[in-house]
Amino acid sequence: VQLQASGGGLVQAGGSLRLSCAASGRTFRLGWFRQAPGTEREFVAGIAWTAGSTLYADSVKGRFTISRDNAKNTVYLQMNSLKAEDTAVYYCAAGGPDSPGYKYWGQGTQVTVSS
């Protein structure tokens, strides 16, 4: 499975961005993670590909929305009310039914929120 993320950029605090991640191959779950300088990579949001159930980190609940387009095999992360602390490199990841967690990783896309 290969993942291609896009959509990062520079935005002012309070603004919005939408990240996209196109997946080649079949996946069971897709998620977004982020890593700010000097910190560990953290989970942001995830979605079950078939059921569509979602999960969010507390820090983004109510502001970020993860969704998928089955026909395009693409997952999105709509980010609203962005804060300076959302600044990070965002990664999409995918997992299969054979093991828990996320096995496949895409390249990161930089999101910078200016305050």
PDB file of N, CA and C in Angstrom:
ATOM      1  N   VAL A   1       0.847  -1.184   0.000  1.00  0.00           N
ATOM      2  CA  VAL A   1       0.000   0.000   0.000  1.00  0.00           C
ATOM      3  C   VAL A   1       0.890   1.244   0.000  1.00  0.00           C
ATOM      4  N   GLN A   2       0.620   2.129  -0.918  1.00  0.00           N
ATOM      5  CA  GLN A   2       1.342   3.398  -0.955  1.00  0.00           C
ATOM      6  C   GLN A   2       0.371   4.533  -0.662  1.00  0.00           C
ATOM      7  N   LEU A   3       0.867   5.515   0.077  1.00  0.00           N
ATOM      8  CA  LEU A   3       0.039   6.630   0.502  1.00  0.00           C
ATOM      9  C   LEU A   3       0.674   7.934   0.040  1.00  0.00           C
ATOM     10  N   GLN A   4      -0.136   8.802  -0.516  1.00  0.00           N
ATOM     11  CA  GLN A   4       0.337  10.096  -1.009  1.00  0.00           C
ATOM     12  C   GLN A   4      -0.462  11.197  -0.341  1.00  0.00           C
ATOM     13  N   ALA A   5       0.194  11.921   0.550  1.00  0.00           N
ATOM     14  CA  ALA A   5      -0.478  13.001   1.276  1.00  0.00           C
ATOM     15  C   ALA A   5      -0.232  14.345   0.605  1.00  0.00           C
ATOM     16  N   SER A   6      -1.218  15.224   0.732  1.00  0.00           N
ATOM     17  CA  SER A   6      -1.086  16.572   0.171  1.00  0.00           C
ATOM     18  C   SER A   6      -2.004  17.520   0.923  1.00  0.00           C
ATOM     19  N   GLY A   7      -1.824  18.815   0.685  1.00  0.00           N
ATOM     20  CA  GLY A   7      -2.746  19.793   1.234  1.00  0.00           C
ATOM     21  C   GLY A   7      -2.205  20.649   2.366  1.00  0.00           C
ATOM     22  N   GLY A   8      -0.988  20.395   2.790  1.00  0.00           N
ATOM     23  CA  GLY A   8      -0.432  21.218   3.852  1.00  0.00           C
ATOM     24  C   GLY A   8      -0.136  22.628   3.375  1.00  0.00           C
ATOM     25  N   GLY A   9       0.227  23.491   4.323  1.00  0.00           N
ATOM     26  CA  GLY A   9       0.554  24.857   3.960  1.00  0.00           C
ATOM     27  C   GLY A   9       0.619  25.756   5.166  1.00  0.00           C
ATOM     28  N   LEU A  10       0.637  27.043   4.893  1.00  0.00           N
ATOM     29  CA  LEU A  10       0.702  28.057   5.937  1.00  0.00           C
ATOM     30  C   LEU A  10      -0.665  28.724   6.054  1.00  0.00           C
ATOM     31  N   VAL A  11      -1.162  28.840   7.271  1.00  0.00           N
ATOM     32  CA  VAL A  11      -2.472  29.437   7.494  1.00  0.00           C
ATOM     33  C   VAL A  11      -2.439  30.222   8.793  1.00  0.00           C
ATOM     34  N   GLN A  12      -3.245  31.234   8.885  1.00  0.00           N
ATOM     35  CA  GLN A  12      -3.333  32.008  10.120  1.00  0.00           C
ATOM     36  C   GLN A  12      -4.186  31.272  11.141  1.00  0.00           C
ATOM     37  N   ALA A  13      -3.932  31.556  12.380  1.00  0.00           N
ATOM     38  CA  ALA A  13      -4.730  30.974  13.451  1.00  0.00           C
ATOM     39  C   ALA A  13      -6.206  31.296  13.229  1.00  0.00           C
ATOM     40  N   GLY A  14      -7.027  30.280  13.441  1.00  0.00           N
ATOM     41  CA  GLY A  14      -8.455  30.425  13.184  1.00  0.00           C
ATOM     42  C   GLY A  14      -8.872  29.995  11.794  1.00  0.00           C
ATOM     43  N   GLY A  15      -7.903  29.776  10.931  1.00  0.00           N
ATOM     44  CA  GLY A  15      -8.188  29.381   9.564  1.00  0.00           C
ATOM     45  C   GLY A  15      -8.396  27.889   9.413  1.00  0.00           C
ATOM     46  N   SER A  16      -8.516  27.463   8.153  1.00  0.00           N
ATOM     47  CA  SER A  16      -8.803  26.067   7.842  1.00  0.00           C
ATOM     48  C   SER A  16      -7.865  25.544   6.762  1.00  0.00           C
ATOM     49  N   LEU A  17      -7.661  24.253   6.794  1.00  0.00           N
ATOM     50  CA  LEU A  17      -6.925  23.539   5.755  1.00  0.00           C
ATOM     51  C   LEU A  17      -7.560  22.173   5.600  1.00  0.00           C
ATOM     52  N   ARG A  18      -7.427  21.597   4.422  1.00  0.00           N
ATOM     53  CA  ARG A  18      -7.872  20.221   4.214  1.00  0.00           C
ATOM     54  C   ARG A  18      -6.721  19.409   3.661  1.00  0.00           C
ATOM     55  N   LEU A  19      -6.393  18.355   4.374  1.00  0.00           N
ATOM     56  CA  LEU A  19      -5.371  17.422   3.927  1.00  0.00           C
ATOM     57  C   LEU A  19      -6.026  16.254   3.195  1.00  0.00           C
ATOM     58  N   SER A  20      -5.325  15.746   2.212  1.00  0.00           N
ATOM     59  CA  SER A  20      -5.797  14.579   1.461  1.00  0.00           C
ATOM     60  C   SER A  20      -4.738  13.498   1.487  1.00  0.00           C
ATOM     61  N   CYS A  21      -5.189  12.273   1.435  1.00  0.00           N
ATOM     62  CA  CYS A  21      -4.256  11.140   1.376  1.00  0.00           C
ATOM     63  C   CYS A  21      -4.846  10.097   0.437  1.00  0.00           C
ATOM     64  N   ALA A  22      -4.204   9.921  -0.688  1.00  0.00           N
ATOM     65  CA  ALA A  22      -4.647   8.932  -1.664  1.00  0.00           C
ATOM     66  C   ALA A  22      -3.923   7.619  -1.409  1.00  0.00           C
ATOM     67  N   ALA A  23      -4.703   6.552  -1.318  1.00  0.00           N
ATOM     68  CA  ALA A  23      -4.136   5.240  -1.033  1.00  0.00           C
ATOM     69  C   ALA A  23      -4.214   4.349  -2.271  1.00  0.00           C
ATOM     70  N   SER A  24      -3.125   3.656  -2.544  1.00  0.00           N
ATOM     71  CA  SER A  24      -3.137   2.640  -3.598  1.00  0.00           C
ATOM     72  C   SER A  24      -3.211   1.300  -2.899  1.00  0.00           C
ATOM     73  N   GLY A  25      -4.182   0.519  -3.233  1.00  0.00           N
ATOM     74  CA  GLY A  25      -4.333  -0.748  -2.564  1.00  0.00           C
ATOM     75  C   GLY A  25      -5.418  -0.692  -1.508  1.00  0.00           C
ATOM     76  N   ARG A  26      -5.779  -1.868  -1.074  1.00  0.00           N
ATOM     77  CA  ARG A  26      -6.889  -1.993  -0.126  1.00  0.00           C
ATOM     78  C   ARG A  26      -6.401  -1.790   1.297  1.00  0.00           C
ATOM     79  N   THR A  27      -7.146  -1.010   2.057  1.00  0.00           N
ATOM     80  CA  THR A  27      -6.788  -0.783   3.452  1.00  0.00           C
ATOM     81  C   THR A  27      -7.989  -1.059   4.343  1.00  0.00           C
ATOM     82  N   PHE A  28      -7.723  -1.276   5.595  1.00  0.00           N
ATOM     83  CA  PHE A  28      -8.764  -1.554   6.575  1.00  0.00           C
ATOM     84  C   PHE A  28      -9.056  -0.338   7.427  1.00  0.00           C
ATOM     85  N   ARG A  29      -8.011   0.399   7.718  1.00  0.00           N
ATOM     86  CA  ARG A  29      -8.144   1.630   8.497  1.00  0.00           C
ATOM     87  C   ARG A  29      -7.160   2.654   7.971  1.00  0.00           C
ATOM     88  N   LEU A  30      -7.525   3.910   8.073  1.00  0.00           N
ATOM     89  CA  LEU A  30      -6.638   5.010   7.680  1.00  0.00           C
ATOM     90  C   LEU A  30      -6.624   6.032   8.791  1.00  0.00           C
ATOM     91  N   GLY A  31      -5.497   6.650   8.981  1.00  0.00           N
ATOM     92  CA  GLY A  31      -5.410   7.620  10.053  1.00  0.00           C
ATOM     93  C   GLY A  31      -4.445   8.736   9.736  1.00  0.00           C
ATOM     94  N   TRP A  32      -4.521   9.753  10.542  1.00  0.00           N
ATOM     95  CA  TRP A  32      -3.600  10.896  10.461  1.00  0.00           C
ATOM     96  C   TRP A  32      -2.851  11.015  11.783  1.00  0.00           C
ATOM     97  N   PHE A  33      -1.569  11.247  11.666  1.00  0.00           N
ATOM     98  CA  PHE A  33      -0.706  11.483  12.808  1.00  0.00           C
ATOM     99  C   PHE A  33       0.028  12.799  12.558  1.00  0.00           C
ATOM    100  N   ARG A  34       0.619  13.336  13.604  1.00  0.00           N
ATOM    101  CA  ARG A  34       1.409  14.548  13.414  1.00  0.00           C
ATOM    102  C   ARG A  34       2.608  14.541  14.362  1.00  0.00           C
ATOM    103  N   GLN A  35       3.615  15.277  13.941  1.00  0.00           N
ATOM    104  CA  GLN A  35       4.818  15.374  14.749  1.00  0.00           C
ATOM    105  C   GLN A  35       5.358  16.793  14.676  1.00  0.00           C
ATOM    106  N   ALA A  36       5.405  17.436  15.825  1.00  0.00           N
ATOM    107  CA  ALA A  36       5.980  18.781  15.924  1.00  0.00           C
ATOM    108  C   ALA A  36       7.455  18.632  16.299  1.00  0.00           C
ATOM    109  N   PRO A  37       8.259  19.634  16.013  1.00  0.00           N
ATOM    110  CA  PRO A  37       9.687  19.556  16.342  1.00  0.00           C
ATOM    111  C   PRO A  37       9.901  19.270  17.821  1.00  0.00           C
ATOM    112  N   GLY A  38      10.777  18.309  18.085  1.00  0.00           N
ATOM    113  CA  GLY A  38      11.110  17.984  19.463  1.00  0.00           C
ATOM    114  C   GLY A  38      10.076  17.161  20.196  1.00  0.00           C
ATOM    115  N   THR A  39       9.056  16.696  19.487  1.00  0.00           N
ATOM    116  CA  THR A  39       8.021  15.896  20.145  1.00  0.00           C
ATOM    117  C   THR A  39       7.891  14.552  19.447  1.00  0.00           C
ATOM    118  N   GLU A  40       7.180  13.651  20.083  1.00  0.00           N
ATOM    119  CA  GLU A  40       6.923  12.354  19.469  1.00  0.00           C
ATOM    120  C   GLU A  40       5.713  12.452  18.542  1.00  0.00           C
ATOM    121  N   ARG A  41       5.679  11.546  17.603  1.00  0.00           N
ATOM    122  CA  ARG A  41       4.540  11.493  16.703  1.00  0.00           C
ATOM    123  C   ARG A  41       3.294  11.135  17.494  1.00  0.00           C
ATOM    124  N   GLU A  42       2.194  11.831  17.221  1.00  0.00           N
ATOM    125  CA  GLU A  42       0.969  11.567  17.957  1.00  0.00           C
ATOM    126  C   GLU A  42      -0.206  11.320  17.008  1.00  0.00           C
ATOM    127  N   PHE A  43      -1.118  10.530  17.479  1.00  0.00           N
ATOM    128  CA  PHE A  43      -2.337  10.209  16.740  1.00  0.00           C
ATOM    129  C   PHE A  43      -3.239  11.437  16.711  1.00  0.00           C
ATOM    130  N   VAL A  44      -3.839  11.688  15.543  1.00  0.00           N
ATOM    131  CA  VAL A  44      -4.761  12.803  15.395  1.00  0.00           C
ATOM    132  C   VAL A  44      -6.187  12.300  15.169  1.00  0.00           C
ATOM    133  N   ALA A  45      -6.360  11.457  14.169  1.00  0.00           N
ATOM    134  CA  ALA A  45      -7.693  10.957  13.840  1.00  0.00           C
ATOM    135  C   ALA A  45      -7.564   9.689  13.017  1.00  0.00           C
ATOM    136  N   GLY A  46      -8.585   8.844  13.101  1.00  0.00           N
ATOM    137  CA  GLY A  46      -8.580   7.612  12.331  1.00  0.00           C
ATOM    138  C   GLY A  46      -9.986   7.264  11.869  1.00  0.00           C
ATOM    139  N   ILE A  47     -10.056   6.472  10.813  1.00  0.00           N
ATOM    140  CA  ILE A  47     -11.346   6.063  10.271  1.00  0.00           C
ATOM    141  C   ILE A  47     -11.263   4.626   9.787  1.00  0.00           C
ATOM    142  N   ALA A  48     -12.300   3.872  10.089  1.00  0.00           N
ATOM    143  CA  ALA A  48     -12.402   2.509   9.586  1.00  0.00           C
ATOM    144  C   ALA A  48     -12.940   2.578   8.164  1.00  0.00           C
ATOM    145  N   TRP A  49     -12.239   1.961   7.244  1.00  0.00           N
ATOM    146  CA  TRP A  49     -12.560   2.176   5.836  1.00  0.00           C
ATOM    147  C   TRP A  49     -13.953   1.692   5.467  1.00  0.00           C
ATOM    148  N   THR A  50     -14.345   0.547   5.951  1.00  0.00           N
ATOM    149  CA  THR A  50     -15.650  -0.009   5.566  1.00  0.00           C
ATOM    150  C   THR A  50     -16.782   0.581   6.399  1.00  0.00           C
ATOM    151  N   ALA A  51     -16.640   0.565   7.710  1.00  0.00           N
ATOM    152  CA  ALA A  51     -17.718   1.007   8.591  1.00  0.00           C
ATOM    153  C   ALA A  51     -17.820   2.520   8.667  1.00  0.00           C
ATOM    154  N   GLY A  52     -16.708   3.196   8.453  1.00  0.00           N
ATOM    155  CA  GLY A  52     -16.714   4.652   8.532  1.00  0.00           C
ATOM    156  C   GLY A  52     -16.659   5.202   9.933  1.00  0.00           C
ATOM    157  N   SER A  53     -16.502   4.351  10.922  1.00  0.00           N
ATOM    158  CA  SER A  53     -16.407   4.847  12.291  1.00  0.00           C
ATOM    159  C   SER A  53     -15.115   5.630  12.461  1.00  0.00           C
ATOM    160  N   THR A  54     -15.174   6.643  13.313  1.00  0.00           N
ATOM    161  CA  THR A  54     -14.044   7.550  13.450  1.00  0.00           C
ATOM    162  C   THR A  54     -13.587   7.665  14.902  1.00  0.00           C
ATOM    163  N   LEU A  55     -12.375   8.125  15.047  1.00  0.00           N
ATOM    164  CA  LEU A  55     -11.781   8.317  16.366  1.00  0.00           C
ATOM    165  C   LEU A  55     -10.902   9.555  16.292  1.00  0.00           C
ATOM    166  N   TYR A  56     -10.923  10.364  17.344  1.00  0.00           N
ATOM    167  CA  TYR A  56     -10.163  11.607  17.353  1.00  0.00           C
ATOM    168  C   TYR A  56      -9.368  11.752  18.648  1.00  0.00           C
ATOM    169  N   ALA A  57      -8.246  12.420  18.528  1.00  0.00           N
ATOM    170  CA  ALA A  57      -7.527  12.840  19.728  1.00  0.00           C
ATOM    171  C   ALA A  57      -8.328  13.947  20.397  1.00  0.00           C
ATOM    172  N   ASP A  58      -8.267  13.998  21.704  1.00  0.00           N
ATOM    173  CA  ASP A  58      -9.025  15.018  22.440  1.00  0.00           C
ATOM    174  C   ASP A  58      -8.667  16.427  21.984  1.00  0.00           C
ATOM    175  N   SER A  59      -7.422  16.622  21.613  1.00  0.00           N
ATOM    176  CA  SER A  59      -6.951  17.960  21.266  1.00  0.00           C
ATOM    177  C   SER A  59      -7.565  18.508  19.982  1.00  0.00           C
ATOM    178  N   VAL A  60      -8.161  17.634  19.162  1.00  0.00           N
ATOM    179  CA  VAL A  60      -8.722  18.100  17.881  1.00  0.00           C
ATOM    180  C   VAL A  60     -10.220  17.875  17.770  1.00  0.00           C
ATOM    181  N   LYS A  61     -10.813  17.250  18.765  1.00  0.00           N
ATOM    182  CA  LYS A  61     -12.259  16.992  18.717  1.00  0.00           C
ATOM    183  C   LYS A  61     -13.028  18.291  18.560  1.00  0.00           C
ATOM    184  N   GLY A  62     -13.995  18.261  17.648  1.00  0.00           N
ATOM    185  CA  GLY A  62     -14.806  19.448  17.418  1.00  0.00           C
ATOM    186  C   GLY A  62     -14.203  20.416  16.424  1.00  0.00           C
ATOM    187  N   ARG A  63     -12.931  20.231  16.079  1.00  0.00           N
ATOM    188  CA  ARG A  63     -12.278  21.128  15.121  1.00  0.00           C
ATOM    189  C   ARG A  63     -11.867  20.393  13.845  1.00  0.00           C
ATOM    190  N   PHE A  64     -11.462  19.151  13.969  1.00  0.00           N
ATOM    191  CA  PHE A  64     -11.010  18.364  12.820  1.00  0.00           C
ATOM    192  C   PHE A  64     -12.053  17.306  12.484  1.00  0.00           C
ATOM    193  N   THR A  65     -12.159  17.004  11.197  1.00  0.00           N
ATOM    194  CA  THR A  65     -13.059  15.956  10.742  1.00  0.00           C
ATOM    195  C   THR A  65     -12.339  15.077   9.732  1.00  0.00           C
ATOM    196  N   ILE A  66     -12.352  13.781   9.997  1.00  0.00           N
ATOM    197  CA  ILE A  66     -11.771  12.828   9.058  1.00  0.00           C
ATOM    198  C   ILE A  66     -12.899  12.201   8.257  1.00  0.00           C
ATOM    199  N   SER A  67     -12.663  12.023   6.971  1.00  0.00           N
ATOM    200  CA  SER A  67     -13.679  11.418   6.110  1.00  0.00           C
ATOM    201  C   SER A  67     -12.980  10.659   4.989  1.00  0.00           C
ATOM    202  N   ARG A  68     -13.755   9.874   4.252  1.00  0.00           N
ATOM    203  CA  ARG A  68     -13.160   9.099   3.163  1.00  0.00           C
ATOM    204  C   ARG A  68     -14.053   9.147   1.944  1.00  0.00           C
ATOM    205  N   ASP A  69     -13.425   8.961   0.805  1.00  0.00           N
ATOM    206  CA  ASP A  69     -14.138   8.836  -0.465  1.00  0.00           C
ATOM    207  C   ASP A  69     -13.768   7.476  -1.015  1.00  0.00           C
ATOM    208  N   ASN A  70     -14.689   6.542  -0.920  1.00  0.00           N
ATOM    209  CA  ASN A  70     -14.395   5.173  -1.335  1.00  0.00           C
ATOM    210  C   ASN A  70     -14.036   5.092  -2.817  1.00  0.00           C
ATOM    211  N   ALA A  71     -14.739   5.854  -3.627  1.00  0.00           N
ATOM    212  CA  ALA A  71     -14.506   5.776  -5.068  1.00  0.00           C
ATOM    213  C   ALA A  71     -13.105   6.248  -5.430  1.00  0.00           C
ATOM    214  N   LYS A  72     -12.601   7.226  -4.693  1.00  0.00           N
ATOM    215  CA  LYS A  72     -11.267   7.761  -4.979  1.00  0.00           C
ATOM    216  C   LYS A  72     -10.194   7.127  -4.110  1.00  0.00           C
ATOM    217  N   ASN A  73     -10.603   6.260  -3.196  1.00  0.00           N
ATOM    218  CA  ASN A  73      -9.644   5.629  -2.282  1.00  0.00           C
ATOM    219  C   ASN A  73      -8.809   6.679  -1.564  1.00  0.00           C
ATOM    220  N   THR A  74      -9.484   7.699  -1.108  1.00  0.00           N
ATOM    221  CA  THR A  74      -8.811   8.857  -0.511  1.00  0.00           C
ATOM    222  C   THR A  74      -9.446   9.185   0.832  1.00  0.00           C
ATOM    223  N   VAL A  75      -8.608   9.553   1.773  1.00  0.00           N
ATOM    224  CA  VAL A  75      -9.074  10.000   3.077  1.00  0.00           C
ATOM    225  C   VAL A  75      -8.705  11.473   3.229  1.00  0.00           C
ATOM    226  N   TYR A  76      -9.562  12.210   3.907  1.00  0.00           N
ATOM    227  CA  TYR A  76      -9.370  13.643   4.081  1.00  0.00           C
ATOM    228  C   TYR A  76      -9.316  13.988   5.563  1.00  0.00           C
ATOM    229  N   LEU A  77      -8.651  15.076   5.856  1.00  0.00           N
ATOM    230  CA  LEU A  77      -8.676  15.630   7.203  1.00  0.00           C
ATOM    231  C   LEU A  77      -8.994  17.114   7.067  1.00  0.00           C
ATOM    232  N   GLN A  78     -10.229  17.460   7.391  1.00  0.00           N
ATOM    233  CA  GLN A  78     -10.635  18.860   7.379  1.00  0.00           C
ATOM    234  C   GLN A  78     -10.275  19.459   8.732  1.00  0.00           C
ATOM    235  N   MET A  79      -9.464  20.495   8.692  1.00  0.00           N
ATOM    236  CA  MET A  79      -8.989  21.108   9.928  1.00  0.00           C
ATOM    237  C   MET A  79      -9.499  22.539   9.998  1.00  0.00           C
ATOM    238  N   ASN A  80     -10.333  22.792  10.979  1.00  0.00           N
ATOM    239  CA  ASN A  80     -10.907  24.122  11.183  1.00  0.00           C
ATOM    240  C   ASN A  80     -10.425  24.713  12.507  1.00  0.00           C
ATOM    241  N   SER A  81     -10.604  25.992  12.657  1.00  0.00           N
ATOM    242  CA  SER A  81     -10.213  26.689  13.897  1.00  0.00           C
ATOM    243  C   SER A  81      -8.796  26.325  14.299  1.00  0.00           C
ATOM    244  N   LEU A  82      -7.913  26.399  13.345  1.00  0.00           N
ATOM    245  CA  LEU A  82      -6.533  25.980  13.591  1.00  0.00           C
ATOM    246  C   LEU A  82      -5.853  26.871  14.614  1.00  0.00           C
ATOM    247  N   LYS A  83      -4.991  26.241  15.399  1.00  0.00           N
ATOM    248  CA  LYS A  83      -4.242  26.924  16.445  1.00  0.00           C
ATOM    249  C   LYS A  83      -2.746  26.779  16.161  1.00  0.00           C
ATOM    250  N   ALA A  84      -1.969  27.648  16.775  1.00  0.00           N
ATOM    251  CA  ALA A  84      -0.522  27.571  16.585  1.00  0.00           C
ATOM    252  C   ALA A  84       0.012  26.194  16.995  1.00  0.00           C
ATOM    253  N   GLU A  85      -0.588  25.612  18.008  1.00  0.00           N
ATOM    254  CA  GLU A  85      -0.116  24.303  18.482  1.00  0.00           C
ATOM    255  C   GLU A  85      -0.469  23.155  17.548  1.00  0.00           C
ATOM    256  N   ASP A  86      -1.221  23.441  16.496  1.00  0.00           N
ATOM    257  CA  ASP A  86      -1.471  22.410  15.480  1.00  0.00           C
ATOM    258  C   ASP A  86      -0.327  22.337  14.464  1.00  0.00           C
ATOM    259  N   THR A  87       0.603  23.251  14.558  1.00  0.00           N
ATOM    260  CA  THR A  87       1.746  23.249  13.650  1.00  0.00           C
ATOM    261  C   THR A  87       2.550  21.968  13.811  1.00  0.00           C
ATOM    262  N   ALA A  88       2.734  21.264  12.707  1.00  0.00           N
ATOM    263  CA  ALA A  88       3.434  19.980  12.745  1.00  0.00           C
ATOM    264  C   ALA A  88       3.538  19.437  11.327  1.00  0.00           C
ATOM    265  N   VAL A  89       4.304  18.386  11.189  1.00  0.00           N
ATOM    266  CA  VAL A  89       4.267  17.598   9.962  1.00  0.00           C
ATOM    267  C   VAL A  89       3.185  16.538  10.157  1.00  0.00           C
ATOM    268  N   TYR A  90       2.263  16.489   9.222  1.00  0.00           N
ATOM    269  CA  TYR A  90       1.156  15.553   9.298  1.00  0.00           C
ATOM    270  C   TYR A  90       1.414  14.364   8.371  1.00  0.00           C
ATOM    271  N   TYR A  91       1.176  13.171   8.895  1.00  0.00           N
ATOM    272  CA  TYR A  91       1.394  11.938   8.147  1.00  0.00           C
ATOM    273  C   TYR A  91       0.085  11.155   8.059  1.00  0.00           C
ATOM    274  N   CYS A  92      -0.169  10.582   6.906  1.00  0.00           N
ATOM    275  CA  CYS A  92      -1.269   9.632   6.841  1.00  0.00           C
ATOM    276  C   CYS A  92      -0.692   8.227   6.942  1.00  0.00           C
ATOM    277  N   ALA A  93      -1.505   7.342   7.467  1.00  0.00           N
ATOM    278  CA  ALA A  93      -1.068   5.972   7.700  1.00  0.00           C
ATOM    279  C   ALA A  93      -2.231   5.034   7.453  1.00  0.00           C
ATOM    280  N   ALA A  94      -1.906   3.800   7.141  1.00  0.00           N
ATOM    281  CA  ALA A  94      -2.943   2.807   6.854  1.00  0.00           C
ATOM    282  C   ALA A  94      -2.598   1.483   7.496  1.00  0.00           C
ATOM    283  N   GLY A  95      -3.642   0.732   7.777  1.00  0.00           N
ATOM    284  CA  GLY A  95      -3.446  -0.590   8.344  1.00  0.00           C
ATOM    285  C   GLY A  95      -4.385  -1.584   7.684  1.00  0.00           C
ATOM    286  N   GLY A  96      -4.008  -2.845   7.762  1.00  0.00           N
ATOM    287  CA  GLY A  96      -4.832  -3.911   7.200  1.00  0.00           C
ATOM    288  C   GLY A  96      -5.484  -4.731   8.282  1.00  0.00           C
ATOM    289  N   PRO A  97      -6.320  -5.678   7.895  1.00  0.00           N
ATOM    290  CA  PRO A  97      -7.029  -6.500   8.880  1.00  0.00           C
ATOM    291  C   PRO A  97      -6.136  -7.546   9.532  1.00  0.00           C
ATOM    292  N   ASP A  98      -4.932  -7.731   8.994  1.00  0.00           N
ATOM    293  CA  ASP A  98      -4.073  -8.791   9.484  1.00  0.00           C
ATOM    294  C   ASP A  98      -3.379  -8.453  10.787  1.00  0.00           C
ATOM    295  N   SER A  99      -3.308  -7.167  11.129  1.00  0.00           N
ATOM    296  CA  SER A  99      -2.637  -6.780  12.366  1.00  0.00           C
ATOM    297  C   SER A  99      -3.195  -5.452  12.833  1.00  0.00           C
ATOM    298  N   PRO A 100      -3.127  -5.196  14.132  1.00  0.00           N
ATOM    299  CA  PRO A 100      -3.654  -3.913  14.629  1.00  0.00           C
ATOM    300  C   PRO A 100      -2.723  -2.765  14.277  1.00  0.00           C
ATOM    301  N   GLY A 101      -3.219  -1.564  14.446  1.00  0.00           N
ATOM    302  CA  GLY A 101      -2.372  -0.402  14.246  1.00  0.00           C
ATOM    303  C   GLY A 101      -2.197  -0.043  12.792  1.00  0.00           C
ATOM    304  N   TYR A 102      -1.148   0.704  12.538  1.00  0.00           N
ATOM    305  CA  TYR A 102      -0.879   1.245  11.215  1.00  0.00           C
ATOM    306  C   TYR A 102       0.463   0.747  10.714  1.00  0.00           C
ATOM    307  N   LYS A 103       0.415   0.110   9.569  1.00  0.00           N
ATOM    308  CA  LYS A 103       1.599  -0.550   9.026  1.00  0.00           C
ATOM    309  C   LYS A 103       2.241   0.259   7.905  1.00  0.00           C
ATOM    310  N   TYR A 104       1.445   1.021   7.197  1.00  0.00           N
ATOM    311  CA  TYR A 104       1.926   1.756   6.028  1.00  0.00           C
ATOM    312  C   TYR A 104       1.875   3.255   6.312  1.00  0.00           C
ATOM    313  N   TRP A 105       2.922   3.944   5.860  1.00  0.00           N
ATOM    314  CA  TRP A 105       3.028   5.362   6.131  1.00  0.00           C
ATOM    315  C   TRP A 105       3.319   6.136   4.861  1.00  0.00           C
ATOM    316  N   GLY A 106       2.694   7.300   4.750  1.00  0.00           N
ATOM    317  CA  GLY A 106       2.980   8.186   3.642  1.00  0.00           C
ATOM    318  C   GLY A 106       4.029   9.207   4.036  1.00  0.00           C
ATOM    319  N   GLN A 107       4.424  10.017   3.075  1.00  0.00           N
ATOM    320  CA  GLN A 107       5.355  11.081   3.393  1.00  0.00           C
ATOM    321  C   GLN A 107       4.594  12.175   4.139  1.00  0.00           C
ATOM    322  N   GLY A 108       5.241  12.963   4.892  1.00  0.00           N
ATOM    323  CA  GLY A 108       4.563  13.991   5.648  1.00  0.00           C
ATOM    324  C   GLY A 108       4.255  15.227   4.825  1.00  0.00           C
ATOM    325  N   THR A 109       3.304  15.993   5.337  1.00  0.00           N
ATOM    326  CA  THR A 109       2.997  17.283   4.738  1.00  0.00           C
ATOM    327  C   THR A 109       2.985  18.329   5.852  1.00  0.00           C
ATOM    328  N   GLN A 110       3.671  19.428   5.626  1.00  0.00           N
ATOM    329  CA  GLN A 110       3.852  20.425   6.677  1.00  0.00           C
ATOM    330  C   GLN A 110       2.622  21.316   6.808  1.00  0.00           C
ATOM    331  N   VAL A 111       2.173  21.472   8.039  1.00  0.00           N
ATOM    332  CA  VAL A 111       1.108  22.420   8.358  1.00  0.00           C
ATOM    333  C   VAL A 111       1.691  23.432   9.336  1.00  0.00           C
ATOM    334  N   THR A 112       1.638  24.696   8.968  1.00  0.00           N
ATOM    335  CA  THR A 112       2.145  25.761   9.825  1.00  0.00           C
ATOM    336  C   THR A 112       1.030  26.755  10.085  1.00  0.00           C
ATOM    337  N   VAL A 113       0.752  26.970  11.365  1.00  0.00           N
ATOM    338  CA  VAL A 113      -0.297  27.906  11.762  1.00  0.00           C
ATOM    339  C   VAL A 113       0.370  29.099  12.435  1.00  0.00           C
ATOM    340  N   SER A 114       0.193  30.254  11.862  1.00  0.00           N
ATOM    341  CA  SER A 114       0.808  31.463  12.420  1.00  0.00           C
ATOM    342  C   SER A 114      -0.168  32.134  13.373  1.00  0.00           C
ATOM    343  N   SER A 115       0.375  32.594  14.477  1.00  0.00           N
ATOM    344  CA  SER A 115      -0.488  33.210  15.499  1.00  0.00           C
ATOM    345  C   SER A 115      -0.483  34.731  15.377  1.00  0.00           C
TER     346      SER A 115
END
